[in-house]
Amino acid sequence: MNGPDHYRKAEDIMAKVETGTLGPDHFNRLVGQAQVHATLALVMATVNAGEGIADQDTMSLRDRGKWIEAAGATPTPIPDDEPPAPQIF
């Protein structure tokens, strides 16, 4: 499961929670699952963007397109000849 998949999963789970038809045990379990998926999505986005680099855009166009699509926006077209993302150490 990649970052955008975790993001979508958290949104899907929260949509179920927001129906207001769940018992307290089921509600708490689903909210916990959504929180885990949201946290993993955040971790993946941070790793993809190049942790700690504020002045350099390091996320590849391919990854950026996946995140934009997961967030419900129109993804940026991805060229076939995209260079690899820079390695950050």
PDB file of N, CA and C in Angstrom:
ATOM      1  N   MET A   1       0.860  -1.169   0.000  1.00  0.00           N
ATOM      2  CA  MET A   1       0.000   0.000   0.000  1.00  0.00           C
ATOM      3  C   MET A   1       0.908   1.235   0.000  1.00  0.00           C
ATOM      4  N   ASN A   2       0.654   2.176  -0.925  1.00  0.00           N
ATOM      5  CA  ASN A   2       1.468   3.385  -0.973  1.00  0.00           C
ATOM      6  C   ASN A   2       0.783   4.537  -0.228  1.00  0.00           C
ATOM      7  N   GLY A   3       1.439   5.686  -0.188  1.00  0.00           N
ATOM      8  CA  GLY A   3       0.903   6.831   0.543  1.00  0.00           C
ATOM      9  C   GLY A   3      -0.490   7.254   0.098  1.00  0.00           C
ATOM     10  N   PRO A   4      -0.706   7.453  -1.217  1.00  0.00           N
ATOM     11  CA  PRO A   4      -2.045   7.831  -1.662  1.00  0.00           C
ATOM     12  C   PRO A   4      -3.107   6.784  -1.315  1.00  0.00           C
ATOM     13  N   ASP A   5      -2.727   5.503  -1.337  1.00  0.00           N
ATOM     14  CA  ASP A   5      -3.681   4.455  -0.951  1.00  0.00           C
ATOM     15  C   ASP A   5      -4.059   4.577   0.528  1.00  0.00           C
ATOM     16  N   HIS A   6      -3.066   4.861   1.372  1.00  0.00           N
ATOM     17  CA  HIS A   6      -3.359   5.058   2.800  1.00  0.00           C
ATOM     18  C   HIS A   6      -4.282   6.265   2.997  1.00  0.00           C
ATOM     19  N   TYR A   7      -4.040   7.323   2.238  1.00  0.00           N
ATOM     20  CA  TYR A   7      -4.869   8.536   2.331  1.00  0.00           C
ATOM     21  C   TYR A   7      -6.322   8.212   1.976  1.00  0.00           C
ATOM     22  N   ARG A   8      -6.497   7.518   0.846  1.00  0.00           N
ATOM     23  CA  ARG A   8      -7.855   7.146   0.409  1.00  0.00           C
ATOM     24  C   ARG A   8      -8.540   6.235   1.434  1.00  0.00           C
ATOM     25  N   LYS A   9      -7.782   5.278   1.970  1.00  0.00           N
ATOM     26  CA  LYS A   9      -8.349   4.343   2.947  1.00  0.00           C
ATOM     27  C   LYS A   9      -8.823   5.094   4.188  1.00  0.00           C
ATOM     28  N   ALA A  10      -8.031   6.055   4.666  1.00  0.00           N
ATOM     29  CA  ALA A  10      -8.441   6.855   5.828  1.00  0.00           C
ATOM     30  C   ALA A  10      -9.721   7.618   5.522  1.00  0.00           C
ATOM     31  N   GLU A  11      -9.816   8.198   4.324  1.00  0.00           N
ATOM     32  CA  GLU A  11     -11.038   8.918   3.947  1.00  0.00           C
ATOM     33  C   GLU A  11     -12.235   7.978   3.866  1.00  0.00           C
ATOM     34  N   ASP A  12     -12.040   6.798   3.289  1.00  0.00           N
ATOM     35  CA  ASP A  12     -13.139   5.827   3.176  1.00  0.00           C
ATOM     36  C   ASP A  12     -13.643   5.396   4.554  1.00  0.00           C
ATOM     37  N   ILE A  13     -12.713   5.129   5.454  1.00  0.00           N
ATOM     38  CA  ILE A  13     -13.109   4.716   6.803  1.00  0.00           C
ATOM     39  C   ILE A  13     -13.866   5.837   7.498  1.00  0.00           C
ATOM     40  N   MET A  14     -13.374   7.065   7.388  1.00  0.00           N
ATOM     41  CA  MET A  14     -14.039   8.188   8.055  1.00  0.00           C
ATOM     42  C   MET A  14     -15.417   8.453   7.460  1.00  0.00           C
ATOM     43  N   ALA A  15     -15.608   8.157   6.184  1.00  0.00           N
ATOM     44  CA  ALA A  15     -16.944   8.302   5.587  1.00  0.00           C
ATOM     45  C   ALA A  15     -17.925   7.353   6.270  1.00  0.00           C
ATOM     46  N   LYS A  16     -17.464   6.139   6.600  1.00  0.00           N
ATOM     47  CA  LYS A  16     -18.319   5.191   7.329  1.00  0.00           C
ATOM     48  C   LYS A  16     -18.616   5.702   8.738  1.00  0.00           C
ATOM     49  N   VAL A  17     -17.583   6.250   9.385  1.00  0.00           N
ATOM     50  CA  VAL A  17     -17.738   6.756  10.751  1.00  0.00           C
ATOM     51  C   VAL A  17     -18.749   7.900  10.784  1.00  0.00           C
ATOM     52  N   GLU A  18     -18.705   8.761   9.779  1.00  0.00           N
ATOM     53  CA  GLU A  18     -19.549   9.953   9.764  1.00  0.00           C
ATOM     54  C   GLU A  18     -21.024   9.662   9.502  1.00  0.00           C
ATOM     55  N   THR A  19     -21.365   8.407   9.220  1.00  0.00           N
ATOM     56  CA  THR A  19     -22.781   8.083   9.033  1.00  0.00           C
ATOM     57  C   THR A  19     -23.544   8.188  10.342  1.00  0.00           C
ATOM     58  N   GLY A  20     -22.835   8.062  11.465  1.00  0.00           N
ATOM     59  CA  GLY A  20     -23.471   8.177  12.774  1.00  0.00           C
ATOM     60  C   GLY A  20     -24.289   6.970  13.177  1.00  0.00           C
ATOM     61  N   THR A  21     -24.116   5.849  12.482  1.00  0.00           N
ATOM     62  CA  THR A  21     -24.925   4.662  12.771  1.00  0.00           C
ATOM     63  C   THR A  21     -24.132   3.560  13.471  1.00  0.00           C
ATOM     64  N   LEU A  22     -22.931   3.859  13.934  1.00  0.00           N
ATOM     65  CA  LEU A  22     -22.076   2.844  14.538  1.00  0.00           C
ATOM     66  C   LEU A  22     -22.181   2.856  16.053  1.00  0.00           C
ATOM     67  N   GLY A  23     -22.047   1.688  16.643  1.00  0.00           N
ATOM     68  CA  GLY A  23     -21.961   1.604  18.096  1.00  0.00           C
ATOM     69  C   GLY A  23     -20.600   2.105  18.555  1.00  0.00           C
ATOM     70  N   PRO A  24     -20.436   2.389  19.847  1.00  0.00           N
ATOM     71  CA  PRO A  24     -19.189   2.977  20.336  1.00  0.00           C
ATOM     72  C   PRO A  24     -17.947   2.125  20.084  1.00  0.00           C
ATOM     73  N   ASP A  25     -18.051   0.809  20.235  1.00  0.00           N
ATOM     74  CA  ASP A  25     -16.883  -0.045  20.014  1.00  0.00           C
ATOM     75  C   ASP A  25     -16.454  -0.019  18.551  1.00  0.00           C
ATOM     76  N   HIS A  26     -17.425  -0.143  17.666  1.00  0.00           N
ATOM     77  CA  HIS A  26     -17.136  -0.119  16.234  1.00  0.00           C
ATOM     78  C   HIS A  26     -16.606   1.256  15.826  1.00  0.00           C
ATOM     79  N   PHE A  27     -17.195   2.306  16.362  1.00  0.00           N
ATOM     80  CA  PHE A  27     -16.768   3.677  16.084  1.00  0.00           C
ATOM     81  C   PHE A  27     -15.298   3.860  16.466  1.00  0.00           C
ATOM     82  N   ASN A  28     -14.945   3.473  17.682  1.00  0.00           N
ATOM     83  CA  ASN A  28     -13.571   3.648  18.163  1.00  0.00           C
ATOM     84  C   ASN A  28     -12.570   2.850  17.339  1.00  0.00           C
ATOM     85  N   ARG A  29     -12.946   1.634  16.969  1.00  0.00           N
ATOM     86  CA  ARG A  29     -12.046   0.801  16.163  1.00  0.00           C
ATOM     87  C   ARG A  29     -11.801   1.432  14.798  1.00  0.00           C
ATOM     88  N   LEU A  30     -12.863   1.906  14.155  1.00  0.00           N
ATOM     89  CA  LEU A  30     -12.715   2.506  12.829  1.00  0.00           C
ATOM     90  C   LEU A  30     -11.935   3.819  12.878  1.00  0.00           C
ATOM     91  N   VAL A  31     -12.193   4.636  13.880  1.00  0.00           N
ATOM     92  CA  VAL A  31     -11.439   5.886  14.005  1.00  0.00           C
ATOM     93  C   VAL A  31      -9.951   5.581  14.203  1.00  0.00           C
ATOM     94  N   GLY A  32      -9.643   4.563  14.993  1.00  0.00           N
ATOM     95  CA  GLY A  32      -8.251   4.158  15.182  1.00  0.00           C
ATOM     96  C   GLY A  32      -7.611   3.698  13.886  1.00  0.00           C
ATOM     97  N   GLN A  33      -8.341   2.913  13.099  1.00  0.00           N
ATOM     98  CA  GLN A  33      -7.820   2.459  11.811  1.00  0.00           C
ATOM     99  C   GLN A  33      -7.583   3.641  10.877  1.00  0.00           C
ATOM    100  N   ALA A  34      -8.525   4.566  10.838  1.00  0.00           N
ATOM    101  CA  ALA A  34      -8.377   5.751   9.982  1.00  0.00           C
ATOM    102  C   ALA A  34      -7.155   6.558  10.405  1.00  0.00           C
ATOM    103  N   GLN A  35      -6.944   6.675  11.694  1.00  0.00           N
ATOM    104  CA  GLN A  35      -5.801   7.434  12.200  1.00  0.00           C
ATOM    105  C   GLN A  35      -4.482   6.781  11.786  1.00  0.00           C
ATOM    106  N   VAL A  36      -4.417   5.468  11.854  1.00  0.00           N
ATOM    107  CA  VAL A  36      -3.205   4.762  11.426  1.00  0.00           C
ATOM    108  C   VAL A  36      -2.952   5.004   9.942  1.00  0.00           C
ATOM    109  N   HIS A  37      -3.970   4.867   9.106  1.00  0.00           N
ATOM    110  CA  HIS A  37      -3.793   5.085   7.665  1.00  0.00           C
ATOM    111  C   HIS A  37      -3.405   6.533   7.371  1.00  0.00           C
ATOM    112  N   ALA A  38      -4.008   7.491   8.070  1.00  0.00           N
ATOM    113  CA  ALA A  38      -3.664   8.899   7.859  1.00  0.00           C
ATOM    114  C   ALA A  38      -2.213   9.167   8.258  1.00  0.00           C
ATOM    115  N   THR A  39      -1.774   8.557   9.345  1.00  0.00           N
ATOM    116  CA  THR A  39      -0.389   8.732   9.790  1.00  0.00           C
ATOM    117  C   THR A  39       0.581   8.135   8.781  1.00  0.00           C
ATOM    118  N   LEU A  40       0.276   6.943   8.276  1.00  0.00           N
ATOM    119  CA  LEU A  40       1.137   6.320   7.273  1.00  0.00           C
ATOM    120  C   LEU A  40       1.168   7.142   5.988  1.00  0.00           C
ATOM    121  N   ALA A  41       0.050   7.732   5.607  1.00  0.00           N
ATOM    122  CA  ALA A  41       0.021   8.605   4.428  1.00  0.00           C
ATOM    123  C   ALA A  41       0.930   9.805   4.639  1.00  0.00           C
ATOM    124  N   LEU A  42       0.888  10.389   5.821  1.00  0.00           N
ATOM    125  CA  LEU A  42       1.744  11.534   6.136  1.00  0.00           C
ATOM    126  C   LEU A  42       3.221  11.147   6.093  1.00  0.00           C
ATOM    127  N   VAL A  43       3.550   9.994   6.639  1.00  0.00           N
ATOM    128  CA  VAL A  43       4.936   9.517   6.605  1.00  0.00           C
ATOM    129  C   VAL A  43       5.398   9.345   5.170  1.00  0.00           C
ATOM    130  N   MET A  44       4.579   8.701   4.354  1.00  0.00           N
ATOM    131  CA  MET A  44       4.951   8.466   2.961  1.00  0.00           C
ATOM    132  C   MET A  44       5.122   9.778   2.200  1.00  0.00           C
ATOM    133  N   ALA A  45       4.252  10.745   2.438  1.00  0.00           N
ATOM    134  CA  ALA A  45       4.363  12.041   1.763  1.00  0.00           C
ATOM    135  C   ALA A  45       5.643  12.749   2.181  1.00  0.00           C
ATOM    136  N   THR A  46       5.980  12.660   3.445  1.00  0.00           N
ATOM    137  CA  THR A  46       7.202  13.297   3.942  1.00  0.00           C
ATOM    138  C   THR A  46       8.435  12.657   3.318  1.00  0.00           C
ATOM    139  N   VAL A  47       8.446  11.342   3.258  1.00  0.00           N
ATOM    140  CA  VAL A  47       9.575  10.636   2.649  1.00  0.00           C
ATOM    141  C   VAL A  47       9.676  10.983   1.171  1.00  0.00           C
ATOM    142  N   ASN A  48       8.566  10.972   0.455  1.00  0.00           N
ATOM    143  CA  ASN A  48       8.573  11.271  -0.974  1.00  0.00           C
ATOM    144  C   ASN A  48       9.024  12.691  -1.263  1.00  0.00           C
ATOM    145  N   ALA A  49       8.710  13.621  -0.384  1.00  0.00           N
ATOM    146  CA  ALA A  49       9.033  15.027  -0.623  1.00  0.00           C
ATOM    147  C   ALA A  49      10.463  15.373  -0.238  1.00  0.00           C
ATOM    148  N   GLY A  50      11.176  14.517   0.420  1.00  0.00           N
ATOM    149  CA  GLY A  50      12.541  14.823   0.818  1.00  0.00           C
ATOM    150  C   GLY A  50      12.541  15.501   2.166  1.00  0.00           C
ATOM    151  N   GLU A  51      12.486  14.714   3.184  1.00  0.00           N
ATOM    152  CA  GLU A  51      12.342  15.193   4.557  1.00  0.00           C
ATOM    153  C   GLU A  51      13.369  16.269   4.888  1.00  0.00           C
ATOM    154  N   GLY A  52      12.883  17.389   5.446  1.00  0.00           N
ATOM    155  CA  GLY A  52      13.746  18.434   5.960  1.00  0.00           C
ATOM    156  C   GLY A  52      14.286  19.406   4.935  1.00  0.00           C
ATOM    157  N   ILE A  53      13.865  19.309   3.691  1.00  0.00           N
ATOM    158  CA  ILE A  53      14.380  20.215   2.666  1.00  0.00           C
ATOM    159  C   ILE A  53      13.277  21.178   2.277  1.00  0.00           C
ATOM    160  N   ALA A  54      13.378  22.408   2.759  1.00  0.00           N
ATOM    161  CA  ALA A  54      12.326  23.392   2.511  1.00  0.00           C
ATOM    162  C   ALA A  54      12.543  24.158   1.218  1.00  0.00           C
ATOM    163  N   ASP A  55      13.783  24.234   0.740  1.00  0.00           N
ATOM    164  CA  ASP A  55      14.060  25.070  -0.429  1.00  0.00           C
ATOM    165  C   ASP A  55      14.223  24.268  -1.713  1.00  0.00           C
ATOM    166  N   GLN A  56      13.906  22.992  -1.688  1.00  0.00           N
ATOM    167  CA  GLN A  56      14.096  22.161  -2.870  1.00  0.00           C
ATOM    168  C   GLN A  56      12.894  21.250  -3.055  1.00  0.00           C
ATOM    169  N   ASP A  57      12.326  21.268  -4.258  1.00  0.00           N
ATOM    170  CA  ASP A  57      11.183  20.407  -4.560  1.00  0.00           C
ATOM    171  C   ASP A  57      11.722  19.067  -5.032  1.00  0.00           C
ATOM    172  N   THR A  58      11.575  18.016  -4.212  1.00  0.00           N
ATOM    173  CA  THR A  58      12.188  16.734  -4.540  1.00  0.00           C
ATOM    174  C   THR A  58      11.192  15.632  -4.871  1.00  0.00           C
ATOM    175  N   MET A  59       9.896  15.887  -4.765  1.00  0.00           N
ATOM    176  CA  MET A  59       8.923  14.844  -5.076  1.00  0.00           C
ATOM    177  C   MET A  59       8.831  14.691  -6.597  1.00  0.00           C
ATOM    178  N   SER A  60       8.894  13.462  -7.071  1.00  0.00           N
ATOM    179  CA  SER A  60       8.813  13.232  -8.509  1.00  0.00           C
ATOM    180  C   SER A  60       7.422  13.595  -9.019  1.00  0.00           C
ATOM    181  N   LEU A  61       7.345  13.887 -10.301  1.00  0.00           N
ATOM    182  CA  LEU A  61       6.047  14.211 -10.900  1.00  0.00           C
ATOM    183  C   LEU A  61       5.092  13.034 -10.790  1.00  0.00           C
ATOM    184  N   ARG A  62       5.615  11.827 -10.909  1.00  0.00           N
ATOM    185  CA  ARG A  62       4.774  10.635 -10.811  1.00  0.00           C
ATOM    186  C   ARG A  62       4.159  10.538  -9.411  1.00  0.00           C
ATOM    187  N   ASP A  63       4.975  10.725  -8.367  1.00  0.00           N
ATOM    188  CA  ASP A  63       4.450  10.685  -7.000  1.00  0.00           C
ATOM    189  C   ASP A  63       3.500  11.845  -6.747  1.00  0.00           C
ATOM    190  N   ARG A  64       3.843  13.032  -7.243  1.00  0.00           N
ATOM    191  CA  ARG A  64       2.980  14.194  -7.066  1.00  0.00           C
ATOM    192  C   ARG A  64       1.611  13.938  -7.694  1.00  0.00           C
ATOM    193  N   GLY A  65       1.591  13.341  -8.874  1.00  0.00           N
ATOM    194  CA  GLY A  65       0.324  13.028  -9.535  1.00  0.00           C
ATOM    195  C   GLY A  65      -0.526  12.069  -8.721  1.00  0.00           C
ATOM    196  N   LYS A  66       0.108  11.075  -8.108  1.00  0.00           N
ATOM    197  CA  LYS A  66      -0.631  10.118  -7.270  1.00  0.00           C
ATOM    198  C   LYS A  66      -1.234  10.808  -6.054  1.00  0.00           C
ATOM    199  N   TRP A  67      -0.473  11.721  -5.441  1.00  0.00           N
ATOM    200  CA  TRP A  67      -0.987  12.437  -4.269  1.00  0.00           C
ATOM    201  C   TRP A  67      -2.121  13.371  -4.657  1.00  0.00           C
ATOM    202  N   ILE A  68      -1.976  14.076  -5.765  1.00  0.00           N
ATOM    203  CA  ILE A  68      -3.033  14.996  -6.207  1.00  0.00           C
ATOM    204  C   ILE A  68      -4.300  14.217  -6.514  1.00  0.00           C
ATOM    205  N   GLU A  69      -4.156  13.083  -7.177  1.00  0.00           N
ATOM    206  CA  GLU A  69      -5.316  12.249  -7.490  1.00  0.00           C
ATOM    207  C   GLU A  69      -5.984  11.736  -6.211  1.00  0.00           C
ATOM    208  N   ALA A  70      -5.187  11.302  -5.243  1.00  0.00           N
ATOM    209  CA  ALA A  70      -5.748  10.802  -3.983  1.00  0.00           C
ATOM    210  C   ALA A  70      -6.494  11.893  -3.235  1.00  0.00           C
ATOM    211  N   ALA A  71      -6.027  13.122  -3.360  1.00  0.00           N
ATOM    212  CA  ALA A  71      -6.674  14.241  -2.673  1.00  0.00           C
ATOM    213  C   ALA A  71      -7.926  14.721  -3.398  1.00  0.00           C
ATOM    214  N   GLY A  72      -8.212  14.143  -4.562  1.00  0.00           N
ATOM    215  CA  GLY A  72      -9.434  14.490  -5.281  1.00  0.00           C
ATOM    216  C   GLY A  72      -9.276  15.627  -6.264  1.00  0.00           C
ATOM    217  N   ALA A  73      -8.052  16.019  -6.557  1.00  0.00           N
ATOM    218  CA  ALA A  73      -7.805  17.081  -7.528  1.00  0.00           C
ATOM    219  C   ALA A  73      -7.442  16.450  -8.868  1.00  0.00           C
ATOM    220  N   THR A  74      -7.262  17.264  -9.873  1.00  0.00           N
ATOM    221  CA  THR A  74      -6.857  16.782 -11.185  1.00  0.00           C
ATOM    222  C   THR A  74      -5.349  16.576 -11.176  1.00  0.00           C
ATOM    223  N   PRO A  75      -4.874  15.366 -11.476  1.00  0.00           N
ATOM    224  CA  PRO A  75      -3.437  15.126 -11.427  1.00  0.00           C
ATOM    225  C   PRO A  75      -2.687  15.849 -12.535  1.00  0.00           C
ATOM    226  N   THR A  76      -1.444  16.186 -12.242  1.00  0.00           N
ATOM    227  CA  THR A  76      -0.556  16.787 -13.217  1.00  0.00           C
ATOM    228  C   THR A  76      -0.182  15.726 -14.246  1.00  0.00           C
ATOM    229  N   PRO A  77      -0.201  16.067 -15.549  1.00  0.00           N
ATOM    230  CA  PRO A  77       0.250  15.083 -16.540  1.00  0.00           C
ATOM    231  C   PRO A  77       1.694  14.672 -16.254  1.00  0.00           C
ATOM    232  N   ILE A  78       1.970  13.394 -16.427  1.00  0.00           N
ATOM    233  CA  ILE A  78       3.300  12.863 -16.128  1.00  0.00           C
ATOM    234  C   ILE A  78       3.988  12.488 -17.435  1.00  0.00           C
ATOM    235  N   PRO A  79       5.127  13.130 -17.737  1.00  0.00           N
ATOM    236  CA  PRO A  79       5.836  12.783 -18.969  1.00  0.00           C
ATOM    237  C   PRO A  79       6.469  11.399 -18.853  1.00  0.00           C
ATOM    238  N   ASP A  80       6.575  10.715 -19.992  1.00  0.00           N
ATOM    239  CA  ASP A  80       7.176   9.383 -19.990  1.00  0.00           C
ATOM    240  C   ASP A  80       8.677   9.425 -19.728  1.00  0.00           C
ATOM    241  N   ASP A  81       9.300  10.556 -20.023  1.00  0.00           N
ATOM    242  CA  ASP A  81      10.751  10.655 -19.889  1.00  0.00           C
ATOM    243  C   ASP A  81      11.176  11.381 -18.612  1.00  0.00           C
ATOM    244  N   GLU A  82      10.381  11.281 -17.568  1.00  0.00           N
ATOM    245  CA  GLU A  82      10.695  11.953 -16.307  1.00  0.00           C
ATOM    246  C   GLU A  82      12.004  11.416 -15.745  1.00  0.00           C
ATOM    247  N   PRO A  83      12.928  12.319 -15.363  1.00  0.00           N
ATOM    248  CA  PRO A  83      14.175  11.849 -14.751  1.00  0.00           C
ATOM    249  C   PRO A  83      13.889  11.307 -13.353  1.00  0.00           C
ATOM    250  N   PRO A  84      14.758  10.432 -12.853  1.00  0.00           N
ATOM    251  CA  PRO A  84      14.535   9.900 -11.506  1.00  0.00           C
ATOM    252  C   PRO A  84      14.623  11.012 -10.464  1.00  0.00           C
ATOM    253  N   ALA A  85      13.913  10.828  -9.373  1.00  0.00           N
ATOM    254  CA  ALA A  85      13.955  11.801  -8.276  1.00  0.00           C
ATOM    255  C   ALA A  85      15.355  11.815  -7.681  1.00  0.00           C
ATOM    256  N   PRO A  86      15.816  12.997  -7.227  1.00  0.00           N
ATOM    257  CA  PRO A  86      17.151  13.058  -6.618  1.00  0.00           C
ATOM    258  C   PRO A  86      17.211  12.233  -5.341  1.00  0.00           C
ATOM    259  N   GLN A  87      18.370  11.673  -5.084  1.00  0.00           N
ATOM    260  CA  GLN A  87      18.575  10.891  -3.871  1.00  0.00           C
ATOM    261  C   GLN A  87      18.993  11.823  -2.746  1.00  0.00           C
ATOM    262  N   ILE A  88      18.302  11.744  -1.622  1.00  0.00           N
ATOM    263  CA  ILE A  88      18.596  12.574  -0.462  1.00  0.00           C
ATOM    264  C   ILE A  88      19.180  11.673   0.625  1.00  0.00           C
ATOM    265  N   PHE A  89      20.313  12.026   1.119  1.00  0.00           N
ATOM    266  CA  PHE A  89      20.943  11.223   2.173  1.00  0.00           C
ATOM    267  C   PHE A  89      21.155  12.053   3.395  1.00  0.00           C
TER     268      PHE A  89
END
